[in-house]
Amino acid sequence: MQKPWYKQFWPWFLIALPVTVMCVCATIIYLSASQGGFSMVVDDYYKRGKTINAVIEHVEKAKQLGISFNVTAHDGKFTIQYASGQPKELTALTIKFVHATQAANDFQRQVTVGADGVYRTDIPADISGKYTITVTPHSADWKVSEQFYFPLEKATLLEPNLYGV
C-alpha cells in the first residue's frame, strides 16, 4: 500500500523550492523598499555627461598649468601650499574633503592665503580614513583632486588626477 502524497518526501521538497524562492524575493523587495532611496538612474544623462566632460576639462587645465600642492593634515590643522604652477595672484581656494564611505564625514572649507603663501584652516581633530581632497580656485577655472589616508603628518604632494570624477 502506498502512502498518501502528503506523507511522502518528494512533493514537500518540490513545494519547498518555490516557497523558499518567494520568501527570499519578499525579503529582498522589503529591504530594497525600506533601505532604498539610492539614485542609481540619472534623469538627464546627457546633462550629467556634459558635466563630467567639463570636470575633465578643469583637471586637464590644472595639468596644463602644472598646478600641484603640498598638503599636511594633523592635530586639527590643515595646510596647503603651491608646489608648482603658482599663479601671480593668490586667490581663495575651495577645499572639499569627501570621505570614501561615510557622507556624514564630508565637509568643505573656503581658505585664504597667509602672508607666507601658505593656506591654513581647521579640520576635525579626529579625522582619519580615506578622503578625496578636491581643490578649486574661487573662479573654478581648474580642479586638483586626489585621495589620501588621514592624518597626513608630513607634506604630501597633491596633483591633478581624473579618477573619482
N, C-alpha and C. Protein backbone atom coordinates (compact mmCIF):
# COMPACT_ATOMS: atom_id res chain seq x y z
N MET A 1 0.84 -1.17 0.00
CA MET A 1 0.00 0.00 0.00
C MET A 1 0.90 1.26 0.00
N GLN A 2 0.51 2.17 -0.83
CA GLN A 2 1.26 3.42 -0.94
C GLN A 2 0.79 4.42 0.10
N LYS A 3 1.79 5.25 0.54
CA LYS A 3 1.44 6.33 1.48
C LYS A 3 0.71 7.44 0.72
N PRO A 4 -0.13 8.21 1.45
CA PRO A 4 -0.75 9.36 0.76
C PRO A 4 0.34 10.37 0.37
N TRP A 5 0.03 11.20 -0.61
CA TRP A 5 1.04 12.12 -1.17
C TRP A 5 1.61 13.05 -0.12
N TYR A 6 0.84 13.49 0.83
CA TYR A 6 1.31 14.45 1.83
C TYR A 6 2.24 13.82 2.87
N LYS A 7 2.38 12.51 2.86
CA LYS A 7 3.30 11.83 3.76
C LYS A 7 4.60 11.43 3.06
N GLN A 8 4.73 11.76 1.80
CA GLN A 8 5.93 11.42 1.05
C GLN A 8 6.89 12.62 1.01
N PHE A 9 8.15 12.33 0.80
CA PHE A 9 9.19 13.36 0.83
C PHE A 9 9.16 14.27 -0.41
N TRP A 10 9.10 13.71 -1.60
CA TRP A 10 9.29 14.48 -2.83
C TRP A 10 8.25 15.57 -3.07
N PRO A 11 7.00 15.41 -2.81
CA PRO A 11 6.07 16.54 -3.03
C PRO A 11 6.42 17.74 -2.13
N TRP A 12 6.80 17.47 -0.88
CA TRP A 12 7.14 18.56 0.02
C TRP A 12 8.44 19.23 -0.40
N PHE A 13 9.38 18.46 -0.88
CA PHE A 13 10.64 19.03 -1.38
C PHE A 13 10.36 19.93 -2.58
N LEU A 14 9.55 19.48 -3.51
CA LEU A 14 9.22 20.26 -4.70
C LEU A 14 8.42 21.51 -4.35
N ILE A 15 7.60 21.44 -3.34
CA ILE A 15 6.84 22.61 -2.90
C ILE A 15 7.76 23.59 -2.17
N ALA A 16 8.74 23.07 -1.42
CA ALA A 16 9.62 23.92 -0.62
C ALA A 16 10.51 24.80 -1.49
N LEU A 17 10.93 24.33 -2.66
CA LEU A 17 11.80 25.14 -3.52
C LEU A 17 11.16 26.47 -3.93
N PRO A 18 9.99 26.49 -4.55
CA PRO A 18 9.41 27.79 -4.93
C PRO A 18 9.00 28.64 -3.71
N VAL A 19 8.59 27.98 -2.62
CA VAL A 19 8.24 28.74 -1.41
C VAL A 19 9.47 29.45 -0.86
N THR A 20 10.61 28.77 -0.86
CA THR A 20 11.87 29.39 -0.40
C THR A 20 12.23 30.57 -1.29
N VAL A 21 12.11 30.40 -2.59
CA VAL A 21 12.42 31.49 -3.52
C VAL A 21 11.48 32.68 -3.29
N MET A 22 10.22 32.42 -3.05
CA MET A 22 9.28 33.51 -2.80
C MET A 22 9.63 34.25 -1.51
N CYS A 23 10.03 33.53 -0.47
CA CYS A 23 10.42 34.17 0.80
C CYS A 23 11.66 35.05 0.61
N VAL A 24 12.64 34.55 -0.11
CA VAL A 24 13.85 35.33 -0.37
C VAL A 24 13.52 36.57 -1.20
N CYS A 25 12.69 36.43 -2.21
CA CYS A 25 12.28 37.58 -3.03
C CYS A 25 11.53 38.61 -2.19
N ALA A 26 10.63 38.15 -1.35
CA ALA A 26 9.89 39.07 -0.49
C ALA A 26 10.84 39.82 0.44
N THR A 27 11.84 39.13 0.97
CA THR A 27 12.84 39.79 1.83
C THR A 27 13.62 40.83 1.06
N ILE A 28 14.05 40.50 -0.14
CA ILE A 28 14.82 41.45 -0.96
C ILE A 28 13.96 42.66 -1.33
N ILE A 29 12.72 42.43 -1.68
CA ILE A 29 11.83 43.55 -2.02
C ILE A 29 11.61 44.44 -0.81
N TYR A 30 11.40 43.83 0.35
CA TYR A 30 11.23 44.62 1.58
C TYR A 30 12.48 45.45 1.87
N LEU A 31 13.66 44.84 1.80
CA LEU A 31 14.90 45.56 2.10
C LEU A 31 15.15 46.67 1.09
N SER A 32 14.88 46.44 -0.17
CA SER A 32 15.10 47.49 -1.17
C SER A 32 14.13 48.64 -0.99
N ALA A 33 12.90 48.34 -0.55
CA ALA A 33 11.92 49.40 -0.34
C ALA A 33 12.23 50.20 0.93
N SER A 34 12.66 49.51 1.99
CA SER A 34 12.90 50.21 3.26
C SER A 34 14.28 50.86 3.32
N GLN A 35 15.27 50.25 2.69
CA GLN A 35 16.64 50.79 2.72
C GLN A 35 16.97 51.55 1.45
N GLY A 36 16.05 51.67 0.56
CA GLY A 36 16.30 52.26 -0.76
C GLY A 36 16.58 53.74 -0.71
N GLY A 37 16.18 54.42 -1.73
CA GLY A 37 16.44 55.85 -1.83
C GLY A 37 17.73 56.14 -2.56
N PHE A 38 18.34 55.11 -3.13
CA PHE A 38 19.57 55.33 -3.86
C PHE A 38 19.24 55.70 -5.29
N SER A 39 19.79 56.79 -5.73
CA SER A 39 19.51 57.27 -7.07
C SER A 39 20.51 56.67 -8.04
N MET A 40 20.20 55.49 -8.53
CA MET A 40 21.10 54.82 -9.46
C MET A 40 20.91 55.35 -10.88
N VAL A 41 19.71 55.80 -11.20
CA VAL A 41 19.42 56.25 -12.54
C VAL A 41 19.40 57.78 -12.55
N VAL A 42 20.09 58.36 -13.50
CA VAL A 42 20.14 59.80 -13.64
C VAL A 42 19.05 60.20 -14.62
N ASP A 43 18.24 61.19 -14.24
CA ASP A 43 17.14 61.62 -15.10
C ASP A 43 17.65 62.20 -16.41
N ASP A 44 18.62 63.09 -16.32
CA ASP A 44 19.13 63.74 -17.52
C ASP A 44 20.57 63.30 -17.74
N TYR A 45 20.73 62.13 -18.33
CA TYR A 45 22.06 61.56 -18.52
C TYR A 45 22.93 62.40 -19.44
N TYR A 46 22.32 63.08 -20.41
CA TYR A 46 23.11 63.92 -21.33
C TYR A 46 23.73 65.09 -20.58
N LYS A 47 22.94 65.72 -19.73
CA LYS A 47 23.46 66.85 -18.93
C LYS A 47 24.56 66.37 -17.99
N ARG A 48 24.37 65.21 -17.37
CA ARG A 48 25.39 64.65 -16.47
C ARG A 48 26.68 64.35 -17.24
N GLY A 49 26.55 63.83 -18.45
CA GLY A 49 27.72 63.57 -19.28
C GLY A 49 28.47 64.83 -19.64
N LYS A 50 27.74 65.89 -19.93
CA LYS A 50 28.39 67.17 -20.23
C LYS A 50 29.10 67.72 -19.00
N THR A 51 28.52 67.52 -17.82
CA THR A 51 29.15 67.96 -16.58
C THR A 51 30.45 67.21 -16.34
N ILE A 52 30.45 65.91 -16.57
CA ILE A 52 31.67 65.12 -16.41
C ILE A 52 32.75 65.62 -17.36
N ASN A 53 32.37 65.92 -18.59
CA ASN A 53 33.34 66.45 -19.55
C ASN A 53 33.90 67.79 -19.09
N ALA A 54 33.06 68.64 -18.52
CA ALA A 54 33.53 69.93 -18.01
C ALA A 54 34.52 69.74 -16.87
N VAL A 55 34.24 68.78 -15.98
CA VAL A 55 35.15 68.50 -14.87
C VAL A 55 36.48 67.98 -15.39
N ILE A 56 36.43 67.11 -16.39
CA ILE A 56 37.66 66.60 -17.00
C ILE A 56 38.46 67.75 -17.60
N GLU A 57 37.78 68.70 -18.23
CA GLU A 57 38.47 69.86 -18.80
C GLU A 57 39.16 70.68 -17.71
N HIS A 58 38.52 70.81 -16.54
CA HIS A 58 39.13 71.55 -15.43
C HIS A 58 40.38 70.85 -14.91
N VAL A 59 40.35 69.53 -14.83
CA VAL A 59 41.52 68.77 -14.39
C VAL A 59 42.63 68.88 -15.42
N GLU A 60 42.26 68.79 -16.70
CA GLU A 60 43.26 68.92 -17.77
C GLU A 60 43.91 70.30 -17.75
N LYS A 61 43.12 71.33 -17.44
CA LYS A 61 43.67 72.68 -17.37
C LYS A 61 44.68 72.78 -16.22
N ALA A 62 44.37 72.16 -15.09
CA ALA A 62 45.30 72.16 -13.96
C ALA A 62 46.60 71.45 -14.34
N LYS A 63 46.48 70.37 -15.12
CA LYS A 63 47.69 69.68 -15.59
C LYS A 63 48.50 70.57 -16.52
N GLN A 64 47.80 71.28 -17.42
CA GLN A 64 48.50 72.17 -18.35
C GLN A 64 49.22 73.30 -17.61
N LEU A 65 48.60 73.81 -16.57
CA LEU A 65 49.22 74.89 -15.79
C LEU A 65 50.30 74.36 -14.85
N GLY A 66 50.38 73.05 -14.72
CA GLY A 66 51.39 72.44 -13.85
C GLY A 66 51.12 72.67 -12.38
N ILE A 67 49.86 72.74 -12.00
CA ILE A 67 49.49 73.05 -10.61
C ILE A 67 49.59 71.79 -9.75
N SER A 68 50.28 71.91 -8.63
CA SER A 68 50.32 70.86 -7.62
C SER A 68 50.52 71.53 -6.26
N PHE A 69 50.18 70.81 -5.22
CA PHE A 69 50.23 71.36 -3.87
C PHE A 69 50.96 70.40 -2.93
N ASN A 70 51.51 70.97 -1.87
CA ASN A 70 51.99 70.20 -0.73
C ASN A 70 50.96 70.37 0.37
N VAL A 71 50.47 69.26 0.92
CA VAL A 71 49.44 69.32 1.96
C VAL A 71 49.90 68.57 3.20
N THR A 72 49.46 69.06 4.37
CA THR A 72 49.60 68.35 5.63
C THR A 72 48.27 68.46 6.37
N ALA A 73 47.96 67.45 7.15
CA ALA A 73 46.72 67.45 7.91
C ALA A 73 46.90 66.60 9.15
N HIS A 74 47.00 67.25 10.29
CA HIS A 74 47.10 66.53 11.56
C HIS A 74 46.80 67.49 12.70
N ASP A 75 46.41 66.94 13.83
CA ASP A 75 46.11 67.71 15.05
C ASP A 75 45.10 68.82 14.81
N GLY A 76 44.13 68.60 13.92
CA GLY A 76 43.09 69.58 13.67
C GLY A 76 43.52 70.75 12.80
N LYS A 77 44.68 70.67 12.18
CA LYS A 77 45.18 71.74 11.31
C LYS A 77 45.41 71.19 9.92
N PHE A 78 45.03 71.95 8.91
CA PHE A 78 45.26 71.58 7.52
C PHE A 78 46.01 72.72 6.85
N THR A 79 47.13 72.39 6.20
CA THR A 79 47.89 73.40 5.45
C THR A 79 48.06 72.92 4.03
N ILE A 80 48.02 73.87 3.13
CA ILE A 80 48.20 73.59 1.71
C ILE A 80 49.00 74.73 1.10
N GLN A 81 49.97 74.38 0.27
CA GLN A 81 50.85 75.37 -0.34
C GLN A 81 51.17 74.92 -1.76
N TYR A 82 51.24 75.88 -2.68
CA TYR A 82 51.59 75.54 -4.06
C TYR A 82 52.97 74.91 -4.10
N ALA A 83 53.08 73.75 -4.76
CA ALA A 83 54.38 73.13 -5.00
C ALA A 83 54.88 73.53 -6.39
N SER A 84 53.93 73.71 -7.32
CA SER A 84 54.27 74.17 -8.67
C SER A 84 53.03 74.81 -9.29
N GLY A 85 53.26 75.62 -10.32
CA GLY A 85 52.14 76.25 -11.03
C GLY A 85 51.47 77.36 -10.27
N GLN A 86 52.17 77.99 -9.34
CA GLN A 86 51.58 79.06 -8.53
C GLN A 86 51.25 80.27 -9.40
N PRO A 87 50.01 80.75 -9.36
CA PRO A 87 49.66 81.94 -10.13
C PRO A 87 50.26 83.21 -9.51
N LYS A 88 50.24 84.28 -10.29
CA LYS A 88 50.81 85.54 -9.79
C LYS A 88 49.99 86.07 -8.62
N GLU A 89 48.67 85.98 -8.74
CA GLU A 89 47.79 86.44 -7.67
C GLU A 89 47.20 85.23 -6.97
N LEU A 90 47.42 85.14 -5.68
CA LEU A 90 46.89 84.02 -4.90
C LEU A 90 45.48 84.37 -4.42
N THR A 91 44.51 83.62 -4.93
CA THR A 91 43.12 83.85 -4.55
C THR A 91 42.68 82.79 -3.55
N ALA A 92 41.48 82.96 -3.05
CA ALA A 92 40.91 81.99 -2.12
C ALA A 92 40.71 80.66 -2.82
N LEU A 93 40.85 79.59 -2.07
CA LEU A 93 40.64 78.25 -2.59
C LEU A 93 39.47 77.59 -1.86
N THR A 94 38.73 76.79 -2.60
CA THR A 94 37.69 75.96 -2.00
C THR A 94 38.24 74.55 -1.91
N ILE A 95 38.24 73.99 -0.71
CA ILE A 95 38.78 72.66 -0.50
C ILE A 95 37.67 71.77 0.03
N LYS A 96 37.39 70.70 -0.73
CA LYS A 96 36.36 69.75 -0.33
C LYS A 96 37.03 68.48 0.17
N PHE A 97 36.54 67.99 1.28
CA PHE A 97 37.02 66.74 1.87
C PHE A 97 35.86 65.75 1.78
N VAL A 98 36.01 64.72 0.95
CA VAL A 98 34.94 63.75 0.74
C VAL A 98 35.42 62.39 1.24
N HIS A 99 34.75 61.88 2.27
CA HIS A 99 35.11 60.58 2.83
C HIS A 99 34.71 59.49 1.85
N ALA A 100 35.50 58.44 1.79
CA ALA A 100 35.28 57.37 0.81
C ALA A 100 33.97 56.62 1.02
N THR A 101 33.53 56.46 2.27
CA THR A 101 32.34 55.65 2.52
C THR A 101 31.27 56.31 3.37
N GLN A 102 31.60 57.38 4.09
CA GLN A 102 30.64 57.98 5.02
C GLN A 102 30.37 59.43 4.64
N ALA A 103 29.25 59.67 3.98
CA ALA A 103 28.91 61.01 3.52
C ALA A 103 28.74 62.00 4.68
N ALA A 104 28.42 61.50 5.86
CA ALA A 104 28.26 62.38 7.03
C ALA A 104 29.59 63.02 7.43
N ASN A 105 30.71 62.44 7.01
CA ASN A 105 32.03 62.98 7.34
C ASN A 105 32.56 63.95 6.29
N ASP A 106 31.81 64.21 5.23
CA ASP A 106 32.24 65.15 4.20
C ASP A 106 32.13 66.58 4.72
N PHE A 107 33.08 67.42 4.32
CA PHE A 107 33.00 68.84 4.66
C PHE A 107 33.78 69.65 3.65
N GLN A 108 33.61 70.96 3.73
CA GLN A 108 34.23 71.87 2.77
C GLN A 108 34.76 73.10 3.52
N ARG A 109 35.86 73.64 3.04
CA ARG A 109 36.44 74.84 3.64
C ARG A 109 36.79 75.84 2.54
N GLN A 110 36.53 77.11 2.81
CA GLN A 110 36.97 78.22 1.96
C GLN A 110 38.21 78.78 2.65
N VAL A 111 39.35 78.76 1.95
CA VAL A 111 40.62 79.08 2.59
C VAL A 111 41.29 80.25 1.86
N THR A 112 41.80 81.19 2.65
CA THR A 112 42.56 82.31 2.08
C THR A 112 44.04 82.12 2.42
N VAL A 113 44.88 82.77 1.65
CA VAL A 113 46.32 82.59 1.79
C VAL A 113 46.87 83.50 2.88
N GLY A 114 47.88 83.00 3.60
CA GLY A 114 48.56 83.79 4.60
C GLY A 114 49.69 84.59 3.95
N ALA A 115 50.35 85.44 4.72
CA ALA A 115 51.43 86.28 4.21
C ALA A 115 52.61 85.45 3.71
N ASP A 116 52.76 84.25 4.24
CA ASP A 116 53.88 83.39 3.84
C ASP A 116 53.54 82.48 2.65
N GLY A 117 52.37 82.66 2.05
CA GLY A 117 51.98 81.88 0.89
C GLY A 117 51.38 80.52 1.23
N VAL A 118 51.08 80.29 2.49
CA VAL A 118 50.50 79.01 2.93
C VAL A 118 49.03 79.23 3.27
N TYR A 119 48.21 78.33 2.79
CA TYR A 119 46.78 78.33 3.12
C TYR A 119 46.60 77.45 4.36
N ARG A 120 45.88 77.96 5.36
CA ARG A 120 45.66 77.20 6.59
C ARG A 120 44.18 77.22 6.95
N THR A 121 43.73 76.10 7.51
CA THR A 121 42.36 76.03 8.01
C THR A 121 42.28 74.95 9.08
N ASP A 122 41.21 75.01 9.85
CA ASP A 122 40.97 74.00 10.87
C ASP A 122 40.14 72.86 10.27
N ILE A 123 40.44 71.65 10.70
CA ILE A 123 39.69 70.47 10.32
C ILE A 123 39.39 69.69 11.60
N PRO A 124 38.48 68.73 11.55
CA PRO A 124 38.22 67.93 12.76
C PRO A 124 39.51 67.27 13.27
N ALA A 125 39.75 67.36 14.55
CA ALA A 125 40.98 66.83 15.14
C ALA A 125 41.05 65.31 15.04
N ASP A 126 39.89 64.66 15.03
CA ASP A 126 39.88 63.19 14.99
C ASP A 126 39.72 62.63 13.58
N ILE A 127 40.06 63.42 12.58
CA ILE A 127 39.89 62.98 11.20
C ILE A 127 40.82 61.81 10.90
N SER A 128 40.23 60.77 10.32
CA SER A 128 41.03 59.61 9.92
C SER A 128 40.27 58.88 8.83
N GLY A 129 41.00 58.11 8.05
CA GLY A 129 40.37 57.35 6.98
C GLY A 129 40.73 57.88 5.61
N LYS A 130 40.07 57.33 4.62
CA LYS A 130 40.35 57.66 3.23
C LYS A 130 39.44 58.81 2.78
N TYR A 131 40.07 59.91 2.36
CA TYR A 131 39.35 61.08 1.89
C TYR A 131 39.85 61.47 0.50
N THR A 132 38.97 62.04 -0.29
CA THR A 132 39.36 62.67 -1.54
C THR A 132 39.39 64.17 -1.29
N ILE A 133 40.54 64.78 -1.51
CA ILE A 133 40.69 66.23 -1.35
C ILE A 133 40.56 66.84 -2.74
N THR A 134 39.65 67.79 -2.88
CA THR A 134 39.46 68.49 -4.14
C THR A 134 39.67 69.97 -3.91
N VAL A 135 40.59 70.56 -4.68
CA VAL A 135 40.93 71.97 -4.55
C VAL A 135 40.53 72.69 -5.83
N THR A 136 39.75 73.76 -5.69
CA THR A 136 39.38 74.60 -6.83
C THR A 136 39.57 76.06 -6.43
N PRO A 137 39.94 76.92 -7.38
CA PRO A 137 40.03 78.34 -7.06
C PRO A 137 38.63 78.96 -7.01
N HIS A 138 38.57 80.19 -6.57
CA HIS A 138 37.28 80.88 -6.49
C HIS A 138 36.63 80.98 -7.87
N SER A 139 37.45 81.13 -8.92
CA SER A 139 36.93 81.26 -10.29
C SER A 139 36.52 79.91 -10.88
N ALA A 140 36.89 78.80 -10.25
CA ALA A 140 36.58 77.44 -10.70
C ALA A 140 37.13 77.16 -12.09
N ASP A 141 38.28 77.73 -12.43
CA ASP A 141 38.90 77.51 -13.74
C ASP A 141 39.58 76.14 -13.83
N TRP A 142 40.09 75.63 -12.75
CA TRP A 142 40.80 74.37 -12.74
C TRP A 142 40.41 73.59 -11.49
N LYS A 143 40.85 72.33 -11.45
CA LYS A 143 40.49 71.46 -10.33
C LYS A 143 41.64 70.48 -10.09
N VAL A 144 42.02 70.33 -8.83
CA VAL A 144 43.03 69.35 -8.44
C VAL A 144 42.39 68.43 -7.41
N SER A 145 42.50 67.12 -7.64
CA SER A 145 41.83 66.17 -6.76
C SER A 145 42.68 64.92 -6.60
N GLU A 146 42.75 64.42 -5.38
CA GLU A 146 43.49 63.19 -5.13
C GLU A 146 43.01 62.57 -3.82
N GLN A 147 43.19 61.26 -3.70
CA GLN A 147 42.77 60.54 -2.50
C GLN A 147 43.94 60.36 -1.54
N PHE A 148 43.64 60.52 -0.24
CA PHE A 148 44.66 60.37 0.79
C PHE A 148 44.07 59.65 1.99
N TYR A 149 44.95 59.04 2.77
CA TYR A 149 44.57 58.48 4.07
C TYR A 149 45.00 59.46 5.15
N PHE A 150 44.05 59.90 5.97
CA PHE A 150 44.34 60.85 7.03
C PHE A 150 44.70 60.12 8.30
N PRO A 151 45.48 60.72 9.17
CA PRO A 151 46.12 62.02 9.11
C PRO A 151 47.37 62.01 8.21
N LEU A 152 47.76 63.19 7.73
CA LEU A 152 48.96 63.37 6.91
C LEU A 152 49.98 64.13 7.73
N GLU A 153 50.88 63.41 8.36
CA GLU A 153 51.86 64.02 9.26
C GLU A 153 52.90 64.85 8.50
N LYS A 154 53.38 64.34 7.37
CA LYS A 154 54.40 65.07 6.62
C LYS A 154 53.81 65.57 5.31
N ALA A 155 54.48 66.55 4.71
CA ALA A 155 53.99 67.15 3.47
C ALA A 155 53.85 66.10 2.37
N THR A 156 52.69 66.07 1.75
CA THR A 156 52.37 65.10 0.72
C THR A 156 51.95 65.86 -0.53
N LEU A 157 52.38 65.39 -1.69
CA LEU A 157 52.09 66.07 -2.95
C LEU A 157 50.67 65.77 -3.42
N LEU A 158 49.94 66.84 -3.75
CA LEU A 158 48.58 66.75 -4.28
C LEU A 158 48.63 67.19 -5.74
N GLU A 159 48.34 66.26 -6.64
CA GLU A 159 48.40 66.54 -8.07
C GLU A 159 47.05 66.31 -8.72
N PRO A 160 46.79 66.93 -9.89
CA PRO A 160 45.52 66.73 -10.56
C PRO A 160 45.38 65.29 -11.09
N ASN A 161 44.31 64.63 -10.75
CA ASN A 161 44.03 63.27 -11.21
C ASN A 161 42.59 63.19 -11.68
N LEU A 162 42.32 62.29 -12.62
CA LEU A 162 40.98 62.17 -13.20
C LEU A 162 40.09 61.14 -12.50
N TYR A 163 40.64 60.30 -11.61
CA TYR A 163 39.77 59.31 -11.01
C TYR A 163 38.80 59.98 -10.05
N GLY A 164 37.66 59.35 -9.91
CA GLY A 164 36.65 59.88 -8.99
C GLY A 164 35.91 61.08 -9.53
N VAL A 165 36.00 61.34 -10.85
CA VAL A 165 35.30 62.47 -11.44
C VAL A 165 33.85 62.18 -11.35
